[in-house]
C-alpha atoms as a PDB file:
ATOM      1  CA  MET A   1     -20.877 -10.229  26.260  1.00  0.00           C
ATOM      2  CA  GLN A   2     -19.031 -10.457  29.567  1.00  0.00           C
ATOM      3  CA  THR A   3     -17.234  -7.346  30.867  1.00  0.00           C
ATOM      4  CA  TYR A   4     -13.588  -7.936  31.809  1.00  0.00           C
ATOM      5  CA  ASN A   5     -11.938  -6.042  34.651  1.00  0.00           C
ATOM      6  CA  CYS A   6      -8.475  -4.980  33.473  1.00  0.00           C
ATOM      7  CA  MET A   7      -5.185  -4.128  35.143  1.00  0.00           C
ATOM      8  CA  ILE A   8      -2.265  -2.394  33.425  1.00  0.00           C
ATOM      9  CA  ILE A   9       1.183  -3.242  34.783  1.00  0.00           C
ATOM     10  CA  GLU A  10       3.505  -0.789  33.070  1.00  0.00           C
ATOM     11  CA  ASP A  11       6.277   1.561  34.263  1.00  0.00           C
ATOM     12  CA  GLU A  12       6.306   3.806  31.183  1.00  0.00           C
ATOM     13  CA  PRO A  13       3.706   6.616  31.509  1.00  0.00           C
ATOM     14  CA  LEU A  14       3.272   7.038  27.747  1.00  0.00           C
ATOM     15  CA  ALA A  15       2.659   3.327  27.207  1.00  0.00           C
ATOM     16  CA  THR A  16       0.168   3.366  30.092  1.00  0.00           C
ATOM     17  CA  GLU A  17      -1.725   6.269  28.527  1.00  0.00           C
ATOM     18  CA  VAL A  18      -1.971   4.473  25.202  1.00  0.00           C
ATOM     19  CA  LEU A  19      -3.384   1.346  26.836  1.00  0.00           C
ATOM     20  CA  GLN A  20      -5.827   3.391  28.922  1.00  0.00           C
ATOM     21  CA  ASP A  21      -7.144   5.068  25.780  1.00  0.00           C
ATOM     22  CA  TYR A  22      -7.477   1.747  23.934  1.00  0.00           C
ATOM     23  CA  ILE A  23      -9.311   0.104  26.839  1.00  0.00           C
ATOM     24  CA  ARG A  24     -11.815   2.995  26.997  1.00  0.00           C
ATOM     25  CA  GLN A  25     -12.726   2.352  23.364  1.00  0.00           C
ATOM     26  CA  VAL A  26     -13.621  -1.311  23.894  1.00  0.00           C
ATOM     27  CA  PRO A  27     -17.119  -1.814  25.410  1.00  0.00           C
ATOM     28  CA  PHE A  28     -16.349  -5.111  27.126  1.00  0.00           C
ATOM     29  CA  LEU A  29     -13.185  -3.896  28.871  1.00  0.00           C
ATOM     30  CA  LYS A  30     -13.186  -1.976  32.161  1.00  0.00           C
ATOM     31  CA  LEU A  31      -9.963  -0.513  33.560  1.00  0.00           C
ATOM     32  CA  VAL A  32      -9.793  -1.108  37.302  1.00  0.00           C
ATOM     33  CA  CYS A  33      -6.232  -0.092  38.175  1.00  0.00           C
ATOM     34  CA  CYS A  34      -2.744   0.698  36.883  1.00  0.00           C
ATOM     35  CA  CYS A  35       0.446  -0.446  38.579  1.00  0.00           C
ATOM     36  CA  THR A  36       4.037   0.554  37.921  1.00  0.00           C
ATOM     37  CA  ASP A  37       5.646  -2.612  39.264  1.00  0.00           C
ATOM     38  CA  ALA A  38       4.883  -6.240  40.114  1.00  0.00           C
ATOM     39  CA  PHE A  39       4.665  -5.715  43.881  1.00  0.00           C
ATOM     40  CA  PHE A  40       1.959  -3.062  43.554  1.00  0.00           C
ATOM     41  CA  ALA A  41       0.238  -5.387  41.104  1.00  0.00           C
ATOM     42  CA  MET A  42       0.139  -8.235  43.629  1.00  0.00           C
ATOM     43  CA  GLU A  43      -1.524  -5.921  46.132  1.00  0.00           C
ATOM     44  CA  GLY A  44      -4.024  -4.859  43.486  1.00  0.00           C
ATOM     45  CA  LEU A  45      -4.829  -8.468  42.637  1.00  0.00           C
ATOM     46  CA  GLN A  46      -5.694  -9.084  46.280  1.00  0.00           C
ATOM     47  CA  GLN A  47      -7.872  -5.992  46.430  1.00  0.00           C
ATOM     48  CA  PHE A  48      -9.741  -6.240  43.117  1.00  0.00           C
ATOM     49  CA  GLU A  49     -11.232  -8.956  40.957  1.00  0.00           C
ATOM     50  CA  ILE A  50      -9.102  -8.803  37.830  1.00  0.00           C
ATOM     51  CA  ASP A  51      -9.929 -10.764  34.680  1.00  0.00           C
ATOM     52  CA  LEU A  52      -7.237  -9.463  32.345  1.00  0.00           C
ATOM     53  CA  ILE A  53      -3.721  -8.057  32.809  1.00  0.00           C
ATOM     54  CA  PHE A  54      -1.813  -5.995  30.252  1.00  0.00           C
ATOM     55  CA  LEU A  55       1.698  -6.868  31.364  1.00  0.00           C
ATOM     56  CA  ASP A  56       5.013  -5.290  30.459  1.00  0.00           C
ATOM     57  CA  ILE A  57       8.023  -7.615  30.708  1.00  0.00           C
ATOM     58  CA  HIS A  58      10.752  -5.171  31.773  1.00  0.00           C
ATOM     59  CA  LEU A  59       9.500  -3.915  35.115  1.00  0.00           C
ATOM     60  CA  PRO A  60      11.492  -2.618  38.118  1.00  0.00           C
ATOM     61  CA  LYS A  61      12.100  -4.993  41.061  1.00  0.00           C
ATOM     62  CA  MET A  62      10.463  -8.050  39.382  1.00  0.00           C
ATOM     63  CA  LYS A  63      10.135  -8.957  35.699  1.00  0.00           C
ATOM     64  CA  GLY A  64       6.691  -9.488  34.220  1.00  0.00           C
ATOM     65  CA  LEU A  65       7.204 -13.166  33.459  1.00  0.00           C
ATOM     66  CA  ASP A  66       8.434 -13.758  37.011  1.00  0.00           C
ATOM     67  CA  LEU A  67       5.190 -12.255  38.272  1.00  0.00           C
ATOM     68  CA  ILE A  68       3.180 -14.817  36.306  1.00  0.00           C
ATOM     69  CA  LYS A  69       5.304 -17.572  37.852  1.00  0.00           C
ATOM     70  CA  VAL A  70       4.528 -16.560  41.442  1.00  0.00           C
ATOM     71  CA  LEU A  71       0.774 -16.139  40.959  1.00  0.00           C
ATOM     72  CA  LYS A  72      -1.123 -19.309  41.854  1.00  0.00           C
ATOM     73  CA  LYS A  73      -4.111 -18.501  39.652  1.00  0.00           C
ATOM     74  CA  PRO A  74      -3.119 -15.650  37.364  1.00  0.00           C
ATOM     75  CA  PRO A  75      -5.814 -13.811  35.378  1.00  0.00           C
ATOM     76  CA  LYS A  76      -5.689 -13.839  31.599  1.00  0.00           C
ATOM     77  CA  VAL A  77      -2.560 -12.073  30.369  1.00  0.00           C
ATOM     78  CA  ILE A  78      -1.718 -10.009  27.291  1.00  0.00           C
ATOM     79  CA  ILE A  79       1.965  -9.102  27.205  1.00  0.00           C
ATOM     80  CA  THR A  80       2.961  -5.630  26.006  1.00  0.00           C
ATOM     81  CA  SER A  81       6.677  -5.343  25.288  1.00  0.00           C
ATOM     82  CA  ALA A  82       9.230  -3.607  23.081  1.00  0.00           C
ATOM     83  CA  TYR A  83      11.262  -6.833  22.943  1.00  0.00           C
ATOM     84  CA  GLN A  84      10.111  -9.598  20.624  1.00  0.00           C
ATOM     85  CA  GLU A  85      12.724 -12.089  21.850  1.00  0.00           C
ATOM     86  CA  TYR A  86      10.531 -12.974  24.872  1.00  0.00           C
ATOM     87  CA  ALA A  87       7.532 -13.917  22.765  1.00  0.00           C
ATOM     88  CA  LEU A  88       8.162 -17.673  22.760  1.00  0.00           C
ATOM     89  CA  GLN A  89       8.773 -17.715  26.495  1.00  0.00           C
ATOM     90  CA  GLY A  90       5.626 -15.673  27.040  1.00  0.00           C
ATOM     91  CA  TYR A  91       3.446 -18.170  25.187  1.00  0.00           C
ATOM     92  CA  GLU A  92       4.804 -20.930  27.422  1.00  0.00           C
ATOM     93  CA  PHE A  93       2.796 -19.223  30.183  1.00  0.00           C
ATOM     94  CA  ASN A  94      -0.371 -19.549  28.103  1.00  0.00           C
ATOM     95  CA  VAL A  95      -0.771 -15.817  27.514  1.00  0.00           C
ATOM     96  CA  ILE A  96      -3.555 -14.687  25.194  1.00  0.00           C
ATOM     97  CA  ASP A  97      -1.326 -12.559  22.974  1.00  0.00           C
ATOM     98  CA  TYR A  98       2.040 -10.803  22.745  1.00  0.00           C
ATOM     99  CA  LEU A  99       1.877  -7.159  21.605  1.00  0.00           C
ATOM    100  CA  LEU A 100       4.977  -5.371  20.412  1.00  0.00           C
ATOM    101  CA  LYS A 101       5.316  -1.653  21.190  1.00  0.00           C
ATOM    102  CA  PRO A 102       4.373   0.710  19.731  1.00  0.00           C
ATOM    103  CA  ILE A 103       0.961  -0.946  19.674  1.00  0.00           C
ATOM    104  CA  GLU A 104      -1.570  -0.047  17.015  1.00  0.00           C
ATOM    105  CA  PHE A 105      -5.228  -0.036  18.018  1.00  0.00           C
ATOM    106  CA  SER A 106      -6.172  -2.577  15.337  1.00  0.00           C
ATOM    107  CA  ARG A 107      -3.593  -5.010  16.747  1.00  0.00           C
ATOM    108  CA  PHE A 108      -4.788  -4.316  20.297  1.00  0.00           C
ATOM    109  CA  LEU A 109      -8.381  -5.018  19.257  1.00  0.00           C
ATOM    110  CA  LYS A 110      -7.398  -8.295  17.627  1.00  0.00           C
ATOM    111  CA  ALA A 111      -5.700  -9.388  20.862  1.00  0.00           C
ATOM    112  CA  VAL A 112      -8.595  -8.574  23.205  1.00  0.00           C
ATOM    113  CA  ASN A 113     -11.091 -10.260  20.889  1.00  0.00           C
ATOM    114  CA  LYS A 114      -9.229 -13.504  21.557  1.00  0.00           C
ATOM    115  CA  ILE A 115     -10.486 -13.423  25.154  1.00  0.00           C
ATOM    116  CA  GLU A 116     -13.922 -14.703  24.175  1.00  0.00           C
ATOM    117  CA  GLN A 117     -12.366 -17.383  21.996  1.00  0.00           C
ATOM    118  CA  THR A 118     -10.215 -18.704  24.829  1.00  0.00           C
ATOM    119  CA  ARG A 119     -12.831 -18.454  27.552  1.00  0.00           C
ATOM    120  CA  GLU A 120     -13.660 -21.848  28.983  1.00  0.00           C
ATOM    121  CA  THR A 121     -17.225 -22.911  28.537  1.00  0.00           C
ATOM    122  CA  VAL A 122     -18.484 -24.529  31.700  1.00  0.00           C
ATOM    123  CA  LEU A 123     -21.600 -26.582  31.259  1.00  0.00           C
ATOM    124  CA  PRO A 124     -23.945 -26.669  34.184  1.00  0.00           C
ATOM    125  CA  VAL A 125     -23.813 -29.993  35.965  1.00  0.00           C
ATOM    126  CA  ARG A 126     -27.229 -31.369  36.691  1.00  0.00           C
ATOM    127  CA  PRO A 127     -27.547 -33.363  39.879  1.00  0.00           C
ATOM    128  CA  ALA A 128     -28.119 -37.010  39.184  1.00  0.00           C
ATOM    129  CA  ALA A 129     -31.791 -37.849  39.246  1.00  0.00           C
ATOM    130  CA  PRO A 130     -32.766 -40.343  41.892  1.00  0.00           C
ATOM    131  CA  PRO A 131     -33.419 -43.791  40.460  1.00  0.00           C
ATOM    132  CA  THR A 132     -37.061 -44.231  39.466  1.00  0.00           C
ATOM    133  CA  GLU A 133     -38.801 -46.863  41.547  1.00  0.00           C
ATOM    134  CA  ARG A 134     -40.520 -49.467  39.394  1.00  0.00           C
ATOM    135  CA  VAL A 135     -44.258 -49.626  39.973  1.00  0.00           C
ATOM    136  CA  TYR A 136     -45.828 -53.023  40.532  1.00  0.00           C
ATOM    137  CA  LEU A 137     -49.048 -54.734  41.616  1.00  0.00           C
ATOM    138  CA  LEU A 138     -49.441 -57.747  43.894  1.00  0.00           C
ATOM    139  CA  PHE A 139     -51.818 -60.455  42.719  1.00  0.00           C
ATOM    140  CA  ILE A 140     -52.967 -63.389  44.840  1.00  0.00           C
ATOM    141  CA  VAL A 141     -52.298 -66.682  43.071  1.00  0.00           C
ATOM    142  CA  GLY A 142     -53.301 -69.664  45.218  1.00  0.00           C
ATOM    143  CA  LYS A 143     -51.666 -68.972  48.572  1.00  0.00           C
ATOM    144  CA  ARG A 144     -48.943 -66.755  47.135  1.00  0.00           C
ATOM    145  CA  LYS A 145     -48.691 -63.070  46.387  1.00  0.00           C
ATOM    146  CA  VAL A 146     -47.069 -62.545  43.007  1.00  0.00           C
ATOM    147  CA  LYS A 147     -45.375 -59.253  42.159  1.00  0.00           C
ATOM    148  CA  VAL A 148     -46.015 -58.012  38.618  1.00  0.00           C
ATOM    149  CA  PHE A 149     -44.161 -54.917  37.375  1.00  0.00           C
ATOM    150  CA  LEU A 150     -46.335 -52.636  35.284  1.00  0.00           C
ATOM    151  CA  ASP A 151     -43.623 -52.035  32.697  1.00  0.00           C
ATOM    152  CA  GLU A 152     -43.568 -55.782  31.954  1.00  0.00           C
ATOM    153  CA  ILE A 153     -47.309 -56.196  31.314  1.00  0.00           C
ATOM    154  CA  VAL A 154     -48.252 -56.676  27.654  1.00  0.00           C
ATOM    155  CA  TYR A 155     -52.003 -57.117  27.999  1.00  0.00           C
ATOM    156  CA  ILE A 156     -54.657 -58.273  30.475  1.00  0.00           C
ATOM    157  CA  GLU A 157     -57.556 -60.521  29.508  1.00  0.00           C
ATOM    158  CA  SER A 158     -60.871 -60.945  31.318  1.00  0.00           C
ATOM    159  CA  MET A 159     -61.945 -64.521  32.022  1.00  0.00           C
ATOM    160  CA  LYS A 160     -65.289 -64.091  33.812  1.00  0.00           C
ATOM    161  CA  GLU A 161     -64.382 -63.966  37.519  1.00  0.00           C
ATOM    162  CA  TYR A 162     -60.654 -64.079  36.748  1.00  0.00           C
ATOM    163  CA  ILE A 163     -58.133 -62.106  34.752  1.00  0.00           C
ATOM    164  CA  ARG A 164     -55.006 -63.316  33.013  1.00  0.00           C
ATOM    165  CA  VAL A 165     -52.105 -60.893  33.238  1.00  0.00           C
ATOM    166  CA  ASN A 166     -49.744 -61.565  30.349  1.00  0.00           C
ATOM    167  CA  THR A 167     -46.271 -60.133  30.808  1.00  0.00           C
ATOM    168  CA  ILE A 168     -43.096 -60.307  28.757  1.00  0.00           C
ATOM    169  CA  SER A 169     -41.902 -63.366  30.644  1.00  0.00           C
ATOM    170  CA  LYS A 170     -44.913 -64.978  32.313  1.00  0.00           C
ATOM    171  CA  SER A 171     -48.703 -65.284  32.612  1.00  0.00           C
ATOM    172  CA  VAL A 172     -50.536 -64.813  35.925  1.00  0.00           C
ATOM    173  CA  LEU A 173     -54.096 -65.985  36.529  1.00  0.00           C
ATOM    174  CA  THR A 174     -55.826 -64.351  39.483  1.00  0.00           C
ATOM    175  CA  LYS A 175     -59.344 -63.789  40.803  1.00  0.00           C
ATOM    176  CA  PHE A 176     -59.952 -60.168  39.935  1.00  0.00           C
ATOM    177  CA  LYS A 177     -62.410 -58.110  37.873  1.00  0.00           C
ATOM    178  CA  LEU A 178     -61.097 -56.342  34.784  1.00  0.00           C
ATOM    179  CA  SER A 179     -62.980 -53.170  35.751  1.00  0.00           C
ATOM    180  CA  GLU A 180     -61.123 -53.089  39.061  1.00  0.00           C
ATOM    181  CA  VAL A 181     -57.667 -53.446  37.518  1.00  0.00           C
ATOM    182  CA  ASP A 182     -58.631 -50.924  34.818  1.00  0.00           C
ATOM    183  CA  GLY A 183     -59.070 -48.274  37.509  1.00  0.00           C
ATOM    184  CA  LEU A 184     -55.579 -49.012  38.857  1.00  0.00           C
ATOM    185  CA  LEU A 185     -53.908 -48.857  35.447  1.00  0.00           C
ATOM    186  CA  LYS A 186     -55.567 -45.891  33.699  1.00  0.00           C
ATOM    187  CA  LYS A 187     -52.775 -43.441  34.571  1.00  0.00           C
ATOM    188  CA  ASN A 188     -49.955 -45.864  33.809  1.00  0.00           C
ATOM    189  CA  ASN A 189     -49.639 -46.373  30.058  1.00  0.00           C
ATOM    190  CA  PHE A 190     -52.622 -48.736  29.716  1.00  0.00           C
ATOM    191  CA  LEU A 191     -55.660 -48.580  27.446  1.00  0.00           C
ATOM    192  CA  ARG A 192     -58.986 -50.448  27.587  1.00  0.00           C
ATOM    193  CA  ILE A 193     -59.710 -51.553  24.013  1.00  0.00           C
ATOM    194  CA  HIS A 194     -62.498 -54.053  24.641  1.00  0.00           C
ATOM    195  CA  ARG A 195     -64.714 -55.166  27.476  1.00  0.00           C
ATOM    196  CA  SER A 196     -62.349 -58.139  27.764  1.00  0.00           C
ATOM    197  CA  PHE A 197     -58.928 -56.566  27.095  1.00  0.00           C
ATOM    198  CA  ILE A 198     -56.601 -53.947  28.505  1.00  0.00           C
ATOM    199  CA  VAL A 199     -53.326 -53.391  26.654  1.00  0.00           C
ATOM    200  CA  ALA A 200     -50.028 -51.614  27.339  1.00  0.00           C
ATOM    201  CA  LYS A 201     -49.872 -48.734  24.847  1.00  0.00           C
ATOM    202  CA  ASP A 202     -46.080 -48.899  24.446  1.00  0.00           C
ATOM    203  CA  LYS A 203     -46.258 -52.616  23.581  1.00  0.00           C
ATOM    204  CA  ILE A 204     -48.596 -52.128  20.612  1.00  0.00           C
ATOM    205  CA  GLU A 205     -46.750 -53.069  17.420  1.00  0.00           C
ATOM    206  CA  ALA A 206     -49.514 -52.344  14.896  1.00  0.00           C
ATOM    207  CA  PHE A 207     -53.205 -51.491  14.799  1.00  0.00           C
ATOM    208  CA  SER A 208     -56.164 -51.060  12.472  1.00  0.00           C
ATOM    209  CA  ALA A 209     -59.713 -49.860  12.921  1.00  0.00           C
ATOM    210  CA  THR A 210     -60.722 -53.245  14.307  1.00  0.00           C
ATOM    211  CA  GLU A 211     -57.734 -54.725  16.145  1.00  0.00           C
ATOM    212  CA  VAL A 212     -54.351 -54.154  17.743  1.00  0.00           C
ATOM    213  CA  GLU A 213     -51.294 -56.354  17.461  1.00  0.00           C
ATOM    214  CA  LEU A 214     -48.859 -56.875  20.335  1.00  0.00           C
ATOM    215  CA  GLY A 215     -46.797 -59.686  21.800  1.00  0.00           C
ATOM    216  CA  GLY A 216     -47.567 -61.888  18.796  1.00  0.00           C
ATOM    217  CA  LYS A 217     -51.325 -61.593  19.448  1.00  0.00           C
ATOM    218  CA  ARG A 218     -54.117 -59.813  17.603  1.00  0.00           C
ATOM    219  CA  LEU A 219     -56.775 -58.454  19.957  1.00  0.00           C
ATOM    220  CA  PRO A 220     -60.116 -56.996  18.853  1.00  0.00           C
ATOM    221  CA  ILE A 221     -61.147 -53.396  19.435  1.00  0.00           C
ATOM    222  CA  GLY A 222     -64.696 -53.249  20.819  1.00  0.00           C
ATOM    223  CA  ARG A 223     -67.167 -51.110  18.909  1.00  0.00           C
ATOM    224  CA  SER A 224     -67.979 -48.997  21.956  1.00  0.00           C
ATOM    225  CA  TYR A 225     -64.235 -48.402  22.533  1.00  0.00           C
ATOM    226  CA  LYS A 226     -63.268 -47.758  18.910  1.00  0.00           C
ATOM    227  CA  GLU A 227     -63.496 -43.953  18.859  1.00  0.00           C
ATOM    228  CA  LEU A 228     -61.493 -43.501  22.066  1.00  0.00           C
ATOM    229  CA  VAL A 229     -58.886 -46.127  21.146  1.00  0.00           C
ATOM    230  CA  LEU A 230     -58.214 -44.704  17.681  1.00  0.00           C
ATOM    231  CA  SER A 231     -58.039 -41.135  18.995  1.00  0.00           C
ATOM    232  CA  VAL A 232     -55.387 -42.213  21.509  1.00  0.00           C
ATOM    233  CA  LEU A 233     -53.359 -44.335  19.080  1.00  0.00           C
ATOM    234  CA  GLU A 234     -53.537 -41.869  16.187  1.00  0.00           C
ATOM    235  CA  GLY A 235     -52.988 -38.791  18.341  1.00  0.00           C
END
């Protein structure tokens, strides 16, 4: 649990002593300083990092609620007062609690336990990941070079000296050996299932011990590839 640095702003010595004793009994509270008026308190707030103020309303020179008004970023505040008529006004300043004197320890403890409940939870903001560049291959088709994105390939079929690259939207026939393209695709979601077929693993819709189904096609699993293919698909 976080430790909270505390400041008491109180002009009555007896009330200050009571608060000091209560703070010492709470493990997550640490008393940093005591001030008898608002002007000393403002100096203390510049000198120390204060998380929580125990603030009396009737102070000399400047009232407690006026002090909250002039602070740009006031710490958390628990008001300690003998006058209940300021309670509503105090809550308008978003104070944690309003304690009426004389303050019992059980009531004090209930108030300080609200600190954790009201603490803002700040989620770490992760920097936006750079956009992932889509990987593609260039295949020569006639006199053109055709770009084929790997994430669009469904399967590749060997046709002797050529291969047919079947994608989601098109089919590309190019002079290439399946063994050569297999070496390029091994680390990119592709699986050789037959001497004539390479398939995209994430496009497989169903499979059995003898074939895989994808893109509306059923392709055979070669006997020499069966053990490896099934271990990958079942694993």
